[in-house]
Amino acid sequence: MNVSTVIKKNISANKNGFIMSDYKDSNSVSFFAVLPKSAVVDRIKVDGKSLEDVNTKKIRYHRGIVEKLADDEYRCVATVWFEEDDLELYDKLANHDVQDFEVYYHLEAVVETD
């Protein structure tokens, strides 16, 4: 039996997550958040838009990349590469005009039975 409940978590920079942009040439942005270890990210919304609805080359959802800062573990939940011809959202993220995002995830559990 599979049970999946999608959980929404608001992430704010310098509180429970952060956004890190790469150099302008690669046009990539990574999203970090404090999430449970068993969380599997389904989607991310930033600036009112789902990343799947933005003009991107590639979106990669991560599970194992972790940054330890102070007492918290920040997981890199996704990296996005933006298309060269539509960098409006990338520019907002790279200039720190947008620092909050929403993560939609579900918890994964492995149960063994005999």
N, C-alpha and C. Protein backbone atom coordinates (compact mmCIF):
# COMPACT_ATOMS: atom_id res chain seq x y z
N MET A 1 0.84 -1.17 0.00
CA MET A 1 0.00 0.00 0.00
C MET A 1 0.89 1.24 0.00
N ASN A 2 0.61 2.15 -0.89
CA ASN A 2 1.35 3.42 -0.96
C ASN A 2 0.47 4.54 -0.46
N VAL A 3 1.00 5.32 0.47
CA VAL A 3 0.31 6.50 0.96
C VAL A 3 1.25 7.68 0.76
N SER A 4 0.76 8.70 0.08
CA SER A 4 1.61 9.85 -0.18
C SER A 4 0.83 11.12 0.09
N THR A 5 1.32 11.91 1.00
CA THR A 5 0.74 13.21 1.31
C THR A 5 1.77 14.27 0.97
N VAL A 6 1.39 15.19 0.11
CA VAL A 6 2.31 16.25 -0.27
C VAL A 6 2.27 17.34 0.81
N ILE A 7 3.45 17.71 1.26
CA ILE A 7 3.60 18.71 2.30
C ILE A 7 4.19 19.96 1.66
N LYS A 8 3.65 21.12 2.01
CA LYS A 8 4.17 22.39 1.50
C LYS A 8 4.95 23.06 2.64
N LYS A 9 6.15 23.52 2.33
CA LYS A 9 6.95 24.23 3.32
C LYS A 9 7.46 25.52 2.71
N ASN A 10 7.21 26.64 3.39
CA ASN A 10 7.73 27.93 2.94
C ASN A 10 9.16 28.08 3.43
N ILE A 11 10.05 28.43 2.52
CA ILE A 11 11.46 28.57 2.82
C ILE A 11 11.85 30.04 2.69
N SER A 12 12.52 30.57 3.70
CA SER A 12 12.97 31.95 3.68
C SER A 12 14.48 31.99 3.86
N ALA A 13 15.13 32.82 3.08
CA ALA A 13 16.59 32.95 3.16
C ALA A 13 17.00 33.37 4.57
N ASN A 14 18.08 32.79 5.03
CA ASN A 14 18.67 33.06 6.35
C ASN A 14 17.79 32.61 7.51
N LYS A 15 16.74 31.85 7.25
CA LYS A 15 15.92 31.28 8.31
C LYS A 15 15.95 29.76 8.23
N ASN A 16 15.37 29.22 7.17
CA ASN A 16 15.34 27.77 7.00
C ASN A 16 15.76 27.35 5.59
N GLY A 17 16.53 28.20 4.92
CA GLY A 17 17.02 27.87 3.59
C GLY A 17 17.75 29.03 2.96
N PHE A 18 18.20 28.80 1.73
CA PHE A 18 18.84 29.87 0.97
C PHE A 18 18.88 29.50 -0.50
N ILE A 19 19.12 30.51 -1.33
CA ILE A 19 19.23 30.33 -2.78
C ILE A 19 20.64 30.73 -3.17
N MET A 20 21.31 29.87 -3.93
CA MET A 20 22.68 30.15 -4.35
C MET A 20 22.75 30.13 -5.88
N SER A 21 23.15 31.27 -6.45
CA SER A 21 23.28 31.33 -7.91
C SER A 21 24.72 31.11 -8.30
N ASP A 22 24.89 30.54 -9.50
CA ASP A 22 26.21 30.29 -10.05
C ASP A 22 26.59 31.49 -10.91
N TYR A 23 27.72 31.39 -11.56
CA TYR A 23 28.16 32.47 -12.43
C TYR A 23 27.18 32.68 -13.58
N LYS A 24 27.15 33.87 -14.10
CA LYS A 24 26.21 34.24 -15.16
C LYS A 24 26.34 33.33 -16.38
N ASP A 25 27.51 32.83 -16.67
CA ASP A 25 27.68 31.99 -17.86
C ASP A 25 26.88 30.69 -17.80
N SER A 26 26.76 30.10 -16.62
CA SER A 26 26.03 28.83 -16.54
C SER A 26 24.55 29.04 -16.28
N ASN A 27 24.16 30.22 -15.78
CA ASN A 27 22.76 30.56 -15.52
C ASN A 27 22.06 29.53 -14.64
N SER A 28 22.75 29.05 -13.63
CA SER A 28 22.14 28.05 -12.75
C SER A 28 21.93 28.61 -11.35
N VAL A 29 20.92 28.06 -10.70
CA VAL A 29 20.56 28.43 -9.34
C VAL A 29 20.26 27.16 -8.57
N SER A 30 20.77 27.08 -7.33
CA SER A 30 20.47 25.94 -6.47
C SER A 30 19.65 26.41 -5.28
N PHE A 31 18.71 25.60 -4.88
CA PHE A 31 17.81 25.89 -3.76
C PHE A 31 18.14 24.97 -2.61
N PHE A 32 18.40 25.53 -1.43
CA PHE A 32 18.73 24.76 -0.23
C PHE A 32 17.63 24.98 0.81
N ALA A 33 17.28 23.91 1.54
CA ALA A 33 16.24 24.01 2.56
C ALA A 33 16.49 23.01 3.67
N VAL A 34 16.01 23.34 4.86
CA VAL A 34 16.03 22.41 5.98
C VAL A 34 14.78 21.55 5.84
N LEU A 35 14.99 20.28 5.52
CA LEU A 35 13.89 19.32 5.33
C LEU A 35 14.22 18.03 6.05
N PRO A 36 13.22 17.22 6.35
CA PRO A 36 13.49 15.91 6.93
C PRO A 36 14.34 15.06 5.99
N LYS A 37 15.13 14.15 6.55
CA LYS A 37 16.01 13.32 5.72
C LYS A 37 15.24 12.44 4.75
N SER A 38 14.02 12.07 5.10
CA SER A 38 13.24 11.19 4.23
C SER A 38 12.39 11.95 3.21
N ALA A 39 12.57 13.26 3.13
CA ALA A 39 11.78 14.08 2.20
C ALA A 39 12.21 13.84 0.75
N VAL A 40 11.21 13.71 -0.11
CA VAL A 40 11.43 13.62 -1.56
C VAL A 40 10.70 14.80 -2.18
N VAL A 41 11.46 15.69 -2.82
CA VAL A 41 10.89 16.92 -3.37
C VAL A 41 10.11 16.61 -4.64
N ASP A 42 8.87 17.09 -4.67
CA ASP A 42 8.02 16.92 -5.85
C ASP A 42 8.10 18.11 -6.79
N ARG A 43 8.10 19.31 -6.21
CA ARG A 43 8.21 20.52 -7.03
C ARG A 43 8.58 21.70 -6.16
N ILE A 44 8.98 22.79 -6.80
CA ILE A 44 9.35 24.02 -6.12
C ILE A 44 8.65 25.17 -6.83
N LYS A 45 8.11 26.09 -6.04
CA LYS A 45 7.53 27.31 -6.58
C LYS A 45 8.37 28.49 -6.09
N VAL A 46 8.69 29.37 -7.01
CA VAL A 46 9.46 30.57 -6.67
C VAL A 46 8.87 31.74 -7.45
N ASP A 47 8.71 32.85 -6.77
CA ASP A 47 8.14 34.06 -7.38
C ASP A 47 6.76 33.77 -7.98
N GLY A 48 6.00 32.91 -7.30
CA GLY A 48 4.64 32.58 -7.73
C GLY A 48 4.53 31.60 -8.88
N LYS A 49 5.66 31.04 -9.34
CA LYS A 49 5.64 30.13 -10.48
C LYS A 49 6.30 28.80 -10.12
N SER A 50 5.76 27.73 -10.62
CA SER A 50 6.40 26.43 -10.49
C SER A 50 7.60 26.39 -11.43
N LEU A 51 8.69 25.78 -10.99
CA LEU A 51 9.89 25.73 -11.84
C LEU A 51 9.61 25.04 -13.18
N GLU A 52 8.68 24.11 -13.19
CA GLU A 52 8.34 23.42 -14.44
C GLU A 52 7.68 24.35 -15.45
N ASP A 53 7.12 25.47 -14.98
CA ASP A 53 6.46 26.42 -15.86
C ASP A 53 7.37 27.55 -16.33
N VAL A 54 8.63 27.51 -15.91
CA VAL A 54 9.61 28.54 -16.28
C VAL A 54 10.47 27.98 -17.42
N ASN A 55 10.97 28.85 -18.28
CA ASN A 55 11.79 28.44 -19.41
C ASN A 55 13.18 28.00 -18.91
N THR A 56 13.34 26.70 -18.70
CA THR A 56 14.61 26.17 -18.19
C THR A 56 15.17 25.12 -19.12
N LYS A 57 16.49 24.97 -19.08
CA LYS A 57 17.14 23.89 -19.82
C LYS A 57 16.95 22.57 -19.10
N LYS A 58 17.17 22.63 -17.77
CA LYS A 58 17.13 21.39 -17.00
C LYS A 58 16.83 21.73 -15.55
N ILE A 59 16.08 20.84 -14.90
CA ILE A 59 15.84 20.90 -13.47
C ILE A 59 16.27 19.57 -12.89
N ARG A 60 17.14 19.62 -11.88
CA ARG A 60 17.59 18.38 -11.24
C ARG A 60 17.22 18.45 -9.76
N TYR A 61 16.40 17.50 -9.33
CA TYR A 61 16.05 17.40 -7.92
C TYR A 61 17.07 16.51 -7.23
N HIS A 62 17.63 16.98 -6.12
CA HIS A 62 18.70 16.29 -5.43
C HIS A 62 18.20 15.59 -4.17
N ARG A 63 19.01 14.66 -3.67
CA ARG A 63 18.70 14.04 -2.39
C ARG A 63 19.89 14.02 -1.45
N GLY A 64 21.11 13.98 -1.96
CA GLY A 64 22.25 13.74 -1.09
C GLY A 64 23.19 14.90 -0.81
N ILE A 65 22.97 16.05 -1.43
CA ILE A 65 23.88 17.17 -1.24
C ILE A 65 23.44 17.95 0.00
N VAL A 66 24.34 18.07 0.98
CA VAL A 66 24.00 18.71 2.25
C VAL A 66 25.07 19.73 2.63
N GLU A 67 24.66 20.89 3.09
CA GLU A 67 25.55 21.92 3.63
C GLU A 67 25.22 22.06 5.11
N LYS A 68 26.22 21.93 5.97
CA LYS A 68 26.01 22.13 7.40
C LYS A 68 26.39 23.55 7.76
N LEU A 69 25.43 24.29 8.30
CA LEU A 69 25.65 25.65 8.75
C LEU A 69 25.09 25.78 10.16
N ALA A 70 25.93 26.19 11.09
CA ALA A 70 25.55 26.26 12.51
C ALA A 70 25.06 24.88 12.94
N ASP A 71 23.85 24.80 13.44
CA ASP A 71 23.32 23.52 13.92
C ASP A 71 22.37 22.85 12.94
N ASP A 72 22.18 23.44 11.78
CA ASP A 72 21.22 22.91 10.82
C ASP A 72 21.90 22.29 9.60
N GLU A 73 21.19 21.35 8.99
CA GLU A 73 21.63 20.75 7.73
C GLU A 73 20.72 21.27 6.63
N TYR A 74 21.30 21.93 5.65
CA TYR A 74 20.56 22.47 4.52
C TYR A 74 20.77 21.53 3.34
N ARG A 75 19.69 20.94 2.87
CA ARG A 75 19.76 20.04 1.71
C ARG A 75 19.57 20.83 0.43
N CYS A 76 20.41 20.52 -0.55
CA CYS A 76 20.21 21.10 -1.88
C CYS A 76 19.07 20.32 -2.51
N VAL A 77 17.91 20.96 -2.59
CA VAL A 77 16.72 20.25 -3.06
C VAL A 77 16.57 20.29 -4.58
N ALA A 78 17.17 21.30 -5.22
CA ALA A 78 17.08 21.37 -6.68
C ALA A 78 18.11 22.34 -7.23
N THR A 79 18.54 22.06 -8.45
CA THR A 79 19.37 22.98 -9.23
C THR A 79 18.68 23.19 -10.56
N VAL A 80 18.63 24.45 -10.99
CA VAL A 80 17.93 24.80 -12.22
C VAL A 80 18.89 25.54 -13.14
N TRP A 81 18.90 25.15 -14.40
CA TRP A 81 19.68 25.84 -15.43
C TRP A 81 18.68 26.58 -16.32
N PHE A 82 18.82 27.89 -16.41
CA PHE A 82 17.88 28.72 -17.15
C PHE A 82 18.32 28.90 -18.60
N GLU A 83 17.35 29.02 -19.49
CA GLU A 83 17.61 29.26 -20.91
C GLU A 83 18.19 30.66 -21.11
N GLU A 84 19.06 30.79 -22.09
CA GLU A 84 19.73 32.07 -22.38
C GLU A 84 18.76 33.17 -22.80
N ASP A 85 17.67 32.80 -23.47
CA ASP A 85 16.77 33.81 -24.03
C ASP A 85 15.71 34.30 -23.04
N ASP A 86 15.67 33.73 -21.82
CA ASP A 86 14.67 34.14 -20.84
C ASP A 86 15.29 34.08 -19.44
N LEU A 87 15.99 35.14 -19.08
CA LEU A 87 16.72 35.15 -17.81
C LEU A 87 16.09 36.07 -16.77
N GLU A 88 14.82 36.41 -16.93
CA GLU A 88 14.17 37.33 -16.00
C GLU A 88 14.17 36.77 -14.57
N LEU A 89 13.73 35.54 -14.39
CA LEU A 89 13.71 34.94 -13.05
C LEU A 89 15.12 34.69 -12.54
N TYR A 90 16.01 34.25 -13.41
CA TYR A 90 17.40 34.04 -13.00
C TYR A 90 18.00 35.34 -12.46
N ASP A 91 17.77 36.47 -13.15
CA ASP A 91 18.31 37.76 -12.71
C ASP A 91 17.76 38.15 -11.34
N LYS A 92 16.47 37.90 -11.11
CA LYS A 92 15.88 38.20 -9.79
C LYS A 92 16.53 37.37 -8.70
N LEU A 93 16.78 36.09 -8.99
CA LEU A 93 17.39 35.20 -8.00
C LEU A 93 18.86 35.55 -7.78
N ALA A 94 19.59 35.81 -8.85
CA ALA A 94 21.02 36.12 -8.74
C ALA A 94 21.26 37.46 -8.03
N ASN A 95 20.34 38.40 -8.17
CA ASN A 95 20.47 39.70 -7.52
C ASN A 95 19.81 39.73 -6.14
N HIS A 96 19.34 38.59 -5.67
CA HIS A 96 18.71 38.45 -4.36
C HIS A 96 17.44 39.27 -4.21
N ASP A 97 16.78 39.57 -5.34
CA ASP A 97 15.48 40.25 -5.28
C ASP A 97 14.40 39.29 -4.79
N VAL A 98 14.57 38.01 -5.08
CA VAL A 98 13.66 36.96 -4.60
C VAL A 98 14.48 36.06 -3.70
N GLN A 99 14.06 35.91 -2.45
CA GLN A 99 14.81 35.08 -1.50
C GLN A 99 13.96 34.01 -0.84
N ASP A 100 12.68 33.95 -1.17
CA ASP A 100 11.79 32.96 -0.59
C ASP A 100 11.30 32.02 -1.67
N PHE A 101 11.01 30.80 -1.28
CA PHE A 101 10.43 29.83 -2.21
C PHE A 101 9.63 28.81 -1.43
N GLU A 102 8.84 28.03 -2.15
CA GLU A 102 8.01 26.99 -1.55
C GLU A 102 8.49 25.64 -2.03
N VAL A 103 8.59 24.70 -1.11
CA VAL A 103 8.98 23.34 -1.46
C VAL A 103 7.78 22.43 -1.19
N TYR A 104 7.42 21.63 -2.18
CA TYR A 104 6.36 20.63 -2.03
C TYR A 104 7.05 19.27 -2.04
N TYR A 105 6.85 18.51 -0.97
CA TYR A 105 7.55 17.23 -0.85
C TYR A 105 6.66 16.20 -0.16
N HIS A 106 7.07 14.96 -0.26
CA HIS A 106 6.43 13.90 0.51
C HIS A 106 7.52 13.12 1.23
N LEU A 107 7.13 12.41 2.26
CA LEU A 107 8.08 11.63 3.04
C LEU A 107 8.10 10.20 2.51
N GLU A 108 9.29 9.67 2.38
CA GLU A 108 9.47 8.32 1.87
C GLU A 108 9.83 7.40 3.04
N ALA A 109 9.15 6.29 3.11
CA ALA A 109 9.44 5.32 4.17
C ALA A 109 9.59 3.94 3.55
N VAL A 110 10.52 3.20 4.07
CA VAL A 110 10.73 1.82 3.62
C VAL A 110 10.33 0.91 4.76
N VAL A 111 9.37 0.03 4.49
CA VAL A 111 8.90 -0.91 5.49
C VAL A 111 9.11 -2.31 4.96
N GLU A 112 9.80 -3.13 5.73
CA GLU A 112 10.02 -4.51 5.32
C GLU A 112 9.06 -5.41 6.07
N THR A 113 8.48 -6.35 5.35
CA THR A 113 7.58 -7.31 5.96
C THR A 113 8.06 -8.71 5.62
N ASP A 114 7.64 -9.64 6.44
CA ASP A 114 8.02 -11.04 6.18
C ASP A 114 7.07 -11.70 5.23
